[in-house]
Each structure stands twice: as C-alpha cells, then as structure tokens.
Amino acid sequence: MKILIINSGSSSIKYQLMVMPTNEVICTGMIDRIGLETSNVTFKTAVDSIDEIIPIDSHKTGLQKVAEMLLDPEKGVIKSTSEIQAVGHRVVHGGSYFSDTTIITEEVKDKIKELSELAPLHNPAHLVGINVAEEIFSGAKQVAVFDTAFHQTIPVEAHKYAIPNFLLTEHKVRVYGFHGTSHKYVSEKAINFLEKHSKIITIHLGNGCSMTAVKDGKSIDTTMGFSPANGLIMGTRAGDIDQSVIFYMVKNLGYSAEEVNSILLKQSGMLGLTGYSDLRDIESKAQEGNKDCELALLMNAYRIRKTIGAYAAALNGLDAIVFTAGIGENSSFMRNLICTDMDFFGIEIDKEKNQIRSKEIREINTANSTVKVLVAPTDEEYEIANQVYLLLQN
C-alpha cells in the first residue's frame, strides 16, 4: 500500500511516500521557512533529488509544489495520483473528539476547524493540507493522526487545571498535550536502545517546542496544555506566561483579545525577543555578538533545564533525556547549553560525541554521566504511516 504522509507544521511541510507494511521509503522531502522569500524545498529519492530555495508564500502553494515534484516526468516517483492509496495527515489538536487515528469525513473536518481556536498555528494548516490532498489525490483514503492521542494516559492530577469543575466537564478545558506522535516514536526508540522500560524525558525542539515525561512507555506529563501555546519558549510563541499579563494588556494597554492572541502566538517567543524566529539565524547572530540573541538562547535553555528537574521529580528518578526534532537533533550548541551545569543531576555531555551527526539514535553523554543523554531523529512520518496502515487493514 502506497501511503503519502503530509505533516503540515506551523512553518513547514514534511512529506514522505512509503510502501507499507514493508516500510519502504519511495521519496521524502520538506518545505521549510514557509512565508519567507528563502523557503527551502527538498525532494529526495534513492537515485535523485531536488533542492531549491524559492519563495513559498503559503501551505497551499507548498503542497501544490509537493504534488508537482511527485509527478515530475524526469525526477518524479509516480505517473498518476491514483497510485497513492492513502494520505495520512498529522493533525495537532483532536480535543476530546478524537483519541485515535480516524478516517477523514466532512464531520471530522468540521471538528478540526472548530478546534482551530485551540491550535490556530496548526489546525488551519492541516485543513489546507487535507483539502488540497482531497483535490489532488481524490481516489485515496484521507486519514488523520492526532498529536493529542499519546497524551491520553496523563493522570488526572496532571491534566486537570485548578479552575471550576464545569469548565472541564462541560467545556473540556484540560491539558491535552501535543507533538504526541514524535514523543511516542522517540520514547519507543529510546526504550529499545536502553533495552528496558525507563523513566525518560523527551525534548522536542523545533519551531514548536515541548517536553514529555514518559514512564514505562506512557506519557505522564507534558509542557503543552490546552493548546500548543503553553510551556517552553518557541519560535513565535511565548510559552508559559502569567495570565494576568493578558488582562493587563486588554484593560490597561487597550489591546483586543484577538490582538493579544496574535501577539502571544505569532509575535512572541524567539521572534519577540530577537526579531528572528528561526533558531539557526539566532545562533548565528549570537555568535556575532548580538546580545538579544545571546539572552534568548540562555532563557530558552534555562526553561528547559527547569522542566527537566520538575519531570525528574514527577518520574521519581531519571534514566535518560532524549533530544529530537529540528533543533534537538541538529543543534549541538543548544544541547550543550541546556546540559551545562547539570552534572549535579547526573547529566554530563561528551563534547566530542555531541558534535557527531547520525541518522540513528545515539548516546552523547560522558562515561561518568548517570543519566543517558540521547539524540534520536524523530520519524513522525513513519509513525503516521504505520497507524494509517493498521487502521485501514482493520
């Protein structure tokens, strides 16, 4: 079965065409930095590749480019869209409606749209992906895999907010957690690598960032909450913030609720601190002596270190921390900054190992480190393809 995986993130599109159940990858690629003049477009097969820097102004334009490359007469991998039997879509927020992989119907799309208020940077992008895929791959089953599903095991004392009960019972206001597909995949990789069910903290660092405490393969706490806006400092999102700041901005500064929402989701985080949303740019500017960029990186690392301590307490111990996603996998600088002065905690990075890049899960801690420090490339596309295949087979 040929399954196309579409992972529309807040500023990127990852895609992969796979044959299941053999796990054969026919092609893979990514469109990064969407909305900028210098979007990165990649398309790779076993024998050929496309690598371009062109302006991609929206997710719709990006997905049309993906289809164009798949069907390219010289470098493409399909002659007709009918060859693709299923399209698996990563969807960030399933709310209380979806706790498992689901075939997409008009009703499902309506629910995803309704939940866009809780994931305004993501669910709208997913809907674009779904609608464009329905047009281009009209004969394929469209399937949604929800980021929130992995976190359904979080116990009530961790997922319930200290607010009136009716907000949970009637309006489902609670911690849902996100990046679940990634956290599930890398935690399973870590368990297999360590050869035991362990107490693990997975650290997903990309344009969006989150951490999850995983005990015996199950999520027991996570930094993102009711929406993907909570927790760590992100590319354009503030993360944790005193809610009184919101009321102050509305009452004293004259902002509307919509304006505050836009500021906290689209103008804050690293962008608000530095003027740049991409960590690669921020690292480069920090190395050139930009003080705002230096401080932003320190703030980011501090919040992550603080959360490692909290989650180690929740887990009643710690066997390993696992870095993943674009920044977690590729930025040796951030990994080193995060793990600096954590030796009292049993976390100690080997600086030479930290510089090594690999497509496989690897250990970057010193021999003296009592906590394993792992880097595990995430493969949300494989995890989605596997879930789509299992659903359609059943």
Protein backbone atom coordinates (compact mmCIF):
# COMPACT_ATOMS: atom_id res chain seq x y z
CA MET A 1 0.00 0.00 0.00
CA LYS A 2 1.44 3.39 -1.05
CA ILE A 3 0.78 5.96 1.67
CA LEU A 4 1.65 9.65 1.34
CA ILE A 5 2.33 11.30 4.68
CA ILE A 6 1.72 15.03 4.97
CA ASN A 7 2.95 16.80 8.09
CA SER A 8 1.98 20.47 7.86
CA GLY A 9 3.69 22.33 10.70
CA SER A 10 3.40 25.97 11.69
CA SER A 11 6.13 26.99 9.22
CA SER A 12 6.95 23.83 7.31
CA ILE A 13 5.64 20.85 5.37
CA LYS A 14 7.28 17.46 5.72
CA TYR A 15 6.16 14.75 3.35
CA GLN A 16 7.06 11.16 2.66
CA LEU A 17 5.77 8.48 0.29
CA MET A 18 6.01 5.00 1.78
CA VAL A 19 5.05 1.44 0.95
CA MET A 20 3.51 -0.37 3.89
CA PRO A 21 3.93 -2.80 5.56
CA THR A 22 7.46 -3.13 4.12
CA ASN A 23 8.41 0.37 5.39
CA GLU A 24 9.99 1.20 2.02
CA VAL A 25 10.51 4.94 1.61
CA ILE A 26 9.98 5.93 -2.04
CA CYS A 27 10.69 9.60 -1.54
CA THR A 28 10.94 12.15 1.20
CA GLY A 29 11.21 15.89 1.42
CA MET A 30 10.47 19.09 3.19
CA ILE A 31 9.44 22.65 2.54
CA ASP A 32 10.85 24.83 5.31
CA ARG A 33 10.58 28.53 6.22
CA ILE A 34 7.14 28.92 4.65
CA GLY A 35 6.15 32.57 4.33
CA LEU A 36 9.70 33.74 3.67
CA GLU A 37 11.38 34.61 0.37
CA THR A 38 14.03 31.97 1.08
CA SER A 39 11.94 28.83 1.58
CA ASN A 40 13.92 25.59 1.38
CA VAL A 41 12.38 22.98 -0.94
CA THR A 42 13.76 19.43 -0.95
CA PHE A 43 12.71 16.22 -2.70
CA LYS A 44 14.81 13.06 -2.39
CA THR A 45 14.63 9.56 -3.83
CA ALA A 46 17.20 6.77 -3.81
CA VAL A 47 18.62 7.99 -7.13
CA ASP A 48 17.77 11.66 -7.49
CA SER A 49 16.97 14.86 -5.65
CA ILE A 50 15.64 18.38 -5.99
CA ASP A 51 17.00 21.13 -3.75
CA GLU A 52 15.76 24.67 -4.29
CA ILE A 53 15.49 27.97 -2.45
CA ILE A 54 12.35 29.69 -3.73
CA PRO A 55 9.58 31.81 -2.21
CA ILE A 56 6.70 29.70 -0.85
CA ASP A 57 4.05 32.09 0.42
CA SER A 58 1.59 29.61 1.96
CA HIS A 59 0.93 25.99 2.84
CA LYS A 60 -1.36 25.66 -0.18
CA THR A 61 1.43 26.77 -2.54
CA GLY A 62 3.79 24.38 -0.76
CA LEU A 63 1.52 21.36 -1.15
CA GLN A 64 0.97 22.15 -4.82
CA LYS A 65 4.76 22.14 -5.18
CA VAL A 66 4.93 18.73 -3.48
CA ALA A 67 2.42 17.28 -5.96
CA GLU A 68 4.36 18.82 -8.85
CA MET A 69 7.59 17.12 -7.70
CA LEU A 70 5.90 13.74 -7.15
CA LEU A 71 4.60 13.83 -10.74
CA ASP A 72 7.71 15.36 -12.32
CA PRO A 73 8.32 13.50 -15.65
CA GLU A 74 12.09 13.26 -15.03
CA LYS A 75 12.58 13.02 -11.27
CA GLY A 76 9.10 12.11 -10.02
CA VAL A 77 8.09 8.78 -8.48
CA ILE A 78 4.50 8.34 -9.67
CA LYS A 79 2.89 8.58 -13.08
CA SER A 80 -0.61 9.07 -11.74
CA THR A 81 -2.07 10.22 -8.45
CA SER A 82 -4.20 7.06 -8.47
CA GLU A 83 -1.10 5.10 -7.38
CA ILE A 84 -1.44 6.60 -3.90
CA GLN A 85 -3.99 4.62 -1.89
CA ALA A 86 -3.99 6.65 1.31
CA VAL A 87 -2.88 10.04 2.59
CA GLY A 88 -2.03 10.29 6.28
CA HIS A 89 -2.28 13.75 7.82
CA ARG A 90 -0.70 14.81 11.06
CA VAL A 91 -3.30 16.85 12.97
CA VAL A 92 -2.18 18.70 16.09
CA HIS A 93 -5.42 19.06 18.06
CA GLY A 94 -8.09 16.39 18.34
CA GLY A 95 -9.56 17.81 21.54
CA SER A 96 -11.92 15.43 23.30
CA TYR A 97 -13.39 14.34 19.96
CA PHE A 98 -10.57 12.11 18.74
CA SER A 99 -8.44 9.76 20.80
CA ASP A 100 -7.27 7.60 17.90
CA THR A 101 -6.44 7.58 14.19
CA THR A 102 -9.55 8.50 12.16
CA ILE A 103 -10.72 8.38 8.53
CA ILE A 104 -11.44 11.95 7.45
CA THR A 105 -15.04 12.90 6.64
CA GLU A 106 -16.75 16.27 6.35
CA GLU A 107 -17.76 15.93 10.00
CA VAL A 108 -14.15 15.26 11.01
CA LYS A 109 -13.01 18.34 9.06
CA ASP A 110 -15.65 20.42 10.82
CA LYS A 111 -14.30 19.29 14.20
CA ILE A 112 -10.70 20.03 13.15
CA LYS A 113 -11.84 23.50 12.06
CA GLU A 114 -13.70 24.02 15.35
CA LEU A 115 -10.53 23.12 17.24
CA SER A 116 -8.53 25.70 15.26
CA GLU A 117 -9.27 28.17 18.05
CA LEU A 118 -7.11 25.98 20.30
CA ALA A 119 -4.37 25.38 17.71
CA PRO A 120 -4.50 28.46 15.46
CA LEU A 121 -0.99 28.00 14.06
CA HIS A 122 -1.55 24.35 13.16
CA ASN A 123 -5.10 23.10 12.59
CA PRO A 124 -5.78 25.65 9.81
CA ALA A 125 -2.59 24.46 8.05
CA HIS A 126 -3.74 20.84 8.44
CA LEU A 127 -7.12 21.68 6.90
CA VAL A 128 -5.38 23.26 3.91
CA GLY A 129 -3.34 20.08 3.54
CA ILE A 130 -6.43 17.90 3.77
CA ASN A 131 -8.43 19.97 1.28
CA VAL A 132 -5.61 20.19 -1.27
CA ALA A 133 -4.87 16.46 -0.87
CA GLU A 134 -8.54 15.63 -1.44
CA GLU A 135 -8.38 17.55 -4.73
CA ILE A 136 -5.08 16.11 -5.96
CA PHE A 137 -5.39 12.56 -4.59
CA SER A 138 -9.14 12.17 -4.93
CA GLY A 139 -9.06 8.36 -5.04
CA ALA A 140 -7.08 7.97 -1.82
CA LYS A 141 -8.38 7.48 1.71
CA GLN A 142 -7.64 10.59 3.77
CA VAL A 143 -6.71 9.73 7.36
CA ALA A 144 -5.97 11.94 10.39
CA VAL A 145 -3.44 11.02 13.08
CA PHE A 146 -3.78 13.27 16.13
CA ASP A 147 -0.90 14.66 18.19
CA THR A 148 -3.05 14.60 21.30
CA ALA A 149 -3.61 10.81 21.31
CA PHE A 150 -0.32 9.79 23.03
CA HIS A 151 -1.07 12.04 26.00
CA GLN A 152 -4.40 10.40 26.87
CA THR A 153 -2.51 8.44 29.57
CA ILE A 154 -1.63 11.58 31.57
CA PRO A 155 -3.21 11.12 35.03
CA VAL A 156 -5.95 13.46 36.18
CA GLU A 157 -3.76 15.20 38.77
CA ALA A 158 -1.51 16.30 35.91
CA HIS A 159 -4.09 17.08 33.21
CA LYS A 160 -6.72 18.89 35.29
CA TYR A 161 -6.48 22.66 35.84
CA ALA A 162 -7.33 24.22 39.22
CA ILE A 163 -10.40 26.00 37.83
CA PRO A 164 -14.15 25.42 38.39
CA ASN A 165 -15.12 21.83 37.55
CA PHE A 166 -17.77 22.79 34.99
CA LEU A 167 -15.04 24.09 32.67
CA LEU A 168 -13.71 20.54 32.43
CA THR A 169 -16.97 18.60 32.49
CA GLU A 170 -18.95 20.90 30.19
CA HIS A 171 -16.27 22.58 28.08
CA LYS A 172 -13.41 20.04 28.19
CA VAL A 173 -10.82 22.58 29.38
CA ARG A 174 -7.82 20.46 30.37
CA VAL A 175 -4.26 19.59 29.41
CA TYR A 176 -4.25 17.76 26.08
CA GLY A 177 -0.57 17.83 25.15
CA PHE A 178 0.90 17.89 21.65
CA HIS A 179 3.76 16.57 19.50
CA GLY A 180 2.45 13.20 20.68
CA THR A 181 3.40 11.34 17.51
CA SER A 182 7.01 12.49 17.88
CA HIS A 183 7.20 11.87 21.64
CA LYS A 184 5.74 8.38 21.18
CA TYR A 185 8.16 7.47 18.40
CA VAL A 186 11.38 8.67 20.08
CA SER A 187 10.43 7.32 23.52
CA GLU A 188 9.93 3.87 21.96
CA LYS A 189 13.28 4.23 20.18
CA ALA A 190 14.93 5.14 23.49
CA ILE A 191 13.34 2.20 25.31
CA ASN A 192 14.63 -0.18 22.63
CA PHE A 193 18.07 1.46 22.75
CA LEU A 194 18.27 1.23 26.54
CA GLU A 195 16.77 -2.27 26.44
CA LYS A 196 14.44 -1.55 29.33
CA HIS A 197 11.28 0.34 30.19
CA SER A 198 12.66 3.52 31.61
CA LYS A 199 11.99 6.91 33.13
CA ILE A 200 12.58 9.20 30.17
CA ILE A 201 12.19 12.89 29.33
CA THR A 202 11.74 13.53 25.62
CA ILE A 203 12.66 17.03 24.43
CA HIS A 204 11.14 18.02 21.08
CA LEU A 205 12.78 21.24 19.90
CA GLY A 206 11.70 22.73 16.58
CA ASN A 207 9.78 25.87 15.65
CA GLY A 208 7.35 24.48 18.20
CA CYS A 209 8.87 23.03 21.38
CA SER A 210 7.62 20.64 24.04
CA MET A 211 8.81 18.15 26.64
CA THR A 212 7.16 14.98 27.89
CA ALA A 213 7.77 12.79 30.93
CA VAL A 214 7.47 9.16 29.81
CA LYS A 215 7.24 6.32 32.32
CA ASP A 216 7.20 2.74 31.04
CA GLY A 217 6.31 3.96 27.56
CA LYS A 218 3.39 6.14 28.66
CA SER A 219 3.10 9.92 28.81
CA ILE A 220 2.54 11.10 32.39
CA ASP A 221 3.06 14.86 31.91
CA THR A 222 3.86 17.31 29.13
CA THR A 223 4.61 21.02 28.76
CA MET A 224 1.97 21.97 26.20
CA GLY A 225 -1.50 22.15 27.67
CA PHE A 226 -4.99 23.08 26.47
CA SER A 227 -3.34 24.38 23.30
CA PRO A 228 0.17 24.25 21.78
CA ALA A 229 0.82 27.77 23.13
CA ASN A 230 1.89 26.65 26.60
CA GLY A 231 5.24 25.58 28.01
CA LEU A 232 8.65 26.25 26.50
CA ILE A 233 9.78 29.35 24.59
CA MET A 234 9.18 28.70 20.88
CA GLY A 235 9.81 30.34 17.52
CA THR A 236 6.90 32.78 17.76
CA ARG A 237 5.06 31.57 20.89
CA ALA A 238 5.70 32.88 24.40
CA GLY A 239 5.06 29.60 26.20
CA ASP A 240 4.37 29.88 29.95
CA ILE A 241 3.20 33.34 30.95
CA ASP A 242 1.29 34.76 33.94
CA GLN A 243 -2.33 35.04 32.78
CA SER A 244 -2.56 38.46 34.44
CA VAL A 245 -0.36 39.81 31.64
CA ILE A 246 -3.23 39.11 29.23
CA PHE A 247 -5.75 41.04 31.34
CA TYR A 248 -3.24 43.88 31.77
CA MET A 249 -2.78 44.14 28.00
CA VAL A 250 -6.54 44.27 27.43
CA LYS A 251 -7.54 46.52 30.34
CA ASN A 252 -4.57 48.88 30.63
CA LEU A 253 -2.97 48.87 27.18
CA GLY A 254 -6.13 48.76 25.08
CA TYR A 255 -5.45 45.60 23.10
CA SER A 256 -8.36 43.45 21.93
CA ALA A 257 -8.46 39.75 22.78
CA GLU A 258 -7.64 38.95 19.14
CA GLU A 259 -4.62 41.27 19.20
CA VAL A 260 -3.30 39.72 22.42
CA ASN A 261 -3.75 36.26 20.92
CA SER A 262 -1.80 37.30 17.83
CA ILE A 263 0.99 38.85 19.91
CA LEU A 264 1.42 35.79 22.13
CA LEU A 265 1.22 33.25 19.29
CA LYS A 266 2.78 34.99 16.30
CA GLN A 267 4.94 37.84 17.61
CA SER A 268 6.45 36.43 20.81
CA GLY A 269 8.93 33.70 21.68
CA MET A 270 12.28 33.97 19.96
CA LEU A 271 10.84 36.37 17.39
CA GLY A 272 9.69 38.80 20.07
CA LEU A 273 12.99 38.58 21.93
CA THR A 274 15.32 38.88 18.94
CA GLY A 275 13.47 39.79 15.74
CA TYR A 276 14.23 36.30 14.38
CA SER A 277 12.05 33.19 14.63
CA ASP A 278 14.48 30.64 13.19
CA LEU A 279 16.99 29.32 15.74
CA ARG A 280 19.64 28.91 13.05
CA ASP A 281 19.55 32.66 12.49
CA ILE A 282 19.54 33.36 16.23
CA GLU A 283 22.56 31.11 16.89
CA SER A 284 24.43 32.80 14.05
CA LYS A 285 23.63 36.29 15.35
CA ALA A 286 24.56 35.30 18.92
CA GLN A 287 27.96 34.12 17.71
CA GLU A 288 28.38 37.54 16.06
CA GLY A 289 27.79 39.18 19.45
CA ASN A 290 24.07 40.06 19.28
CA LYS A 291 23.13 40.44 22.98
CA ASP A 292 19.39 39.93 22.44
CA CYS A 293 20.08 36.63 20.69
CA GLU A 294 22.53 35.54 23.40
CA LEU A 295 19.94 36.24 26.10
CA ALA A 296 17.12 34.50 24.21
CA LEU A 297 19.18 31.31 23.94
CA LEU A 298 20.00 31.44 27.66
CA MET A 299 16.31 31.94 28.51
CA ASN A 300 15.34 29.01 26.31
CA ALA A 301 17.92 26.69 27.86
CA TYR A 302 17.01 27.80 31.40
CA ARG A 303 13.33 26.93 30.96
CA ILE A 304 14.22 23.50 29.57
CA ARG A 305 16.63 22.78 32.45
CA LYS A 306 13.98 23.81 34.96
CA THR A 307 11.49 21.43 33.36
CA ILE A 308 13.98 18.55 33.40
CA GLY A 309 14.16 18.98 37.18
CA ALA A 310 10.38 19.06 37.56
CA TYR A 311 9.84 15.99 35.40
CA ALA A 312 12.57 14.02 37.15
CA ALA A 313 10.58 14.61 40.34
CA ALA A 314 7.33 13.52 38.64
CA LEU A 315 9.04 10.36 37.36
CA ASN A 316 10.69 9.69 40.75
CA GLY A 317 14.03 9.35 39.00
CA LEU A 318 15.54 9.72 35.56
CA ASP A 319 17.22 7.22 33.25
CA ALA A 320 17.55 9.27 30.06
CA ILE A 321 16.79 12.53 28.31
CA VAL A 322 16.18 12.41 24.56
CA PHE A 323 16.68 15.35 22.20
CA THR A 324 14.69 15.30 18.97
CA ALA A 325 13.21 17.40 16.12
CA GLY A 326 14.98 20.03 14.02
CA ILE A 327 16.81 21.89 16.79
CA GLY A 328 17.12 18.96 19.18
CA GLU A 329 18.67 16.75 16.51
CA ASN A 330 20.88 19.29 14.75
CA SER A 331 21.96 21.98 17.21
CA SER A 332 24.95 20.74 19.20
CA PHE A 333 25.16 24.29 20.58
CA MET A 334 21.69 24.17 22.17
CA ARG A 335 22.17 20.64 23.52
CA ASN A 336 25.40 21.74 25.20
CA LEU A 337 23.81 24.93 26.56
CA ILE A 338 20.87 23.01 28.01
CA CYS A 339 23.07 20.39 29.68
CA THR A 340 25.61 22.87 31.08
CA ASP A 341 25.77 22.83 34.91
CA MET A 342 23.57 19.72 35.12
CA ASP A 343 26.37 17.43 36.35
CA PHE A 344 24.95 17.56 39.90
CA PHE A 345 21.88 15.92 38.39
CA GLY A 346 23.91 13.18 36.74
CA ILE A 347 23.74 14.77 33.29
CA GLU A 348 27.09 15.29 31.60
CA ILE A 349 27.64 15.75 27.85
CA ASP A 350 30.68 14.50 25.95
CA LYS A 351 31.54 17.49 23.75
CA GLU A 352 33.11 15.36 21.01
CA LYS A 353 30.17 12.95 20.83
CA ASN A 354 27.83 15.95 20.81
CA GLN A 355 29.34 17.12 17.51
CA ILE A 356 28.72 13.83 15.70
CA ARG A 357 25.73 13.71 13.36
CA SER A 358 23.91 10.50 12.58
CA LYS A 359 20.57 9.30 11.25
CA GLU A 360 20.48 6.73 14.06
CA ILE A 361 19.74 7.17 17.75
CA ARG A 362 23.00 7.88 19.58
CA GLU A 363 24.42 8.48 23.04
CA ILE A 364 26.25 11.78 23.68
CA ASN A 365 26.88 11.60 27.43
CA THR A 366 30.21 11.00 29.17
CA ALA A 367 31.07 7.72 30.86
CA ASN A 368 30.54 9.42 34.24
CA SER A 369 27.02 10.60 33.42
CA THR A 370 24.46 8.62 35.42
CA VAL A 371 21.70 9.82 33.10
CA LYS A 372 21.89 8.81 29.45
CA VAL A 373 21.75 11.75 27.04
CA LEU A 374 20.41 10.59 23.69
CA VAL A 375 19.80 12.21 20.32
CA ALA A 376 17.04 10.42 18.42
CA PRO A 377 15.96 11.60 14.97
CA THR A 378 12.19 11.66 15.03
CA ASP A 379 10.23 9.97 12.27
CA GLU A 380 6.69 11.19 12.65
CA GLU A 381 6.07 10.22 9.03
CA TYR A 382 6.81 6.54 9.70
CA GLU A 383 4.71 6.59 12.86
CA ILE A 384 1.80 8.15 10.96
CA ALA A 385 2.14 5.69 8.04
CA ASN A 386 2.12 2.76 10.45
CA GLN A 387 -1.00 3.99 12.20
CA VAL A 388 -2.77 4.66 8.87
CA TYR A 389 -1.87 1.20 7.58
CA LEU A 390 -3.08 -0.54 10.75
CA LEU A 391 -6.38 1.39 10.67
CA LEU A 392 -7.10 0.58 7.01
CA GLN A 393 -6.12 -3.08 7.44
CA ASN A 394 -8.53 -3.44 10.33
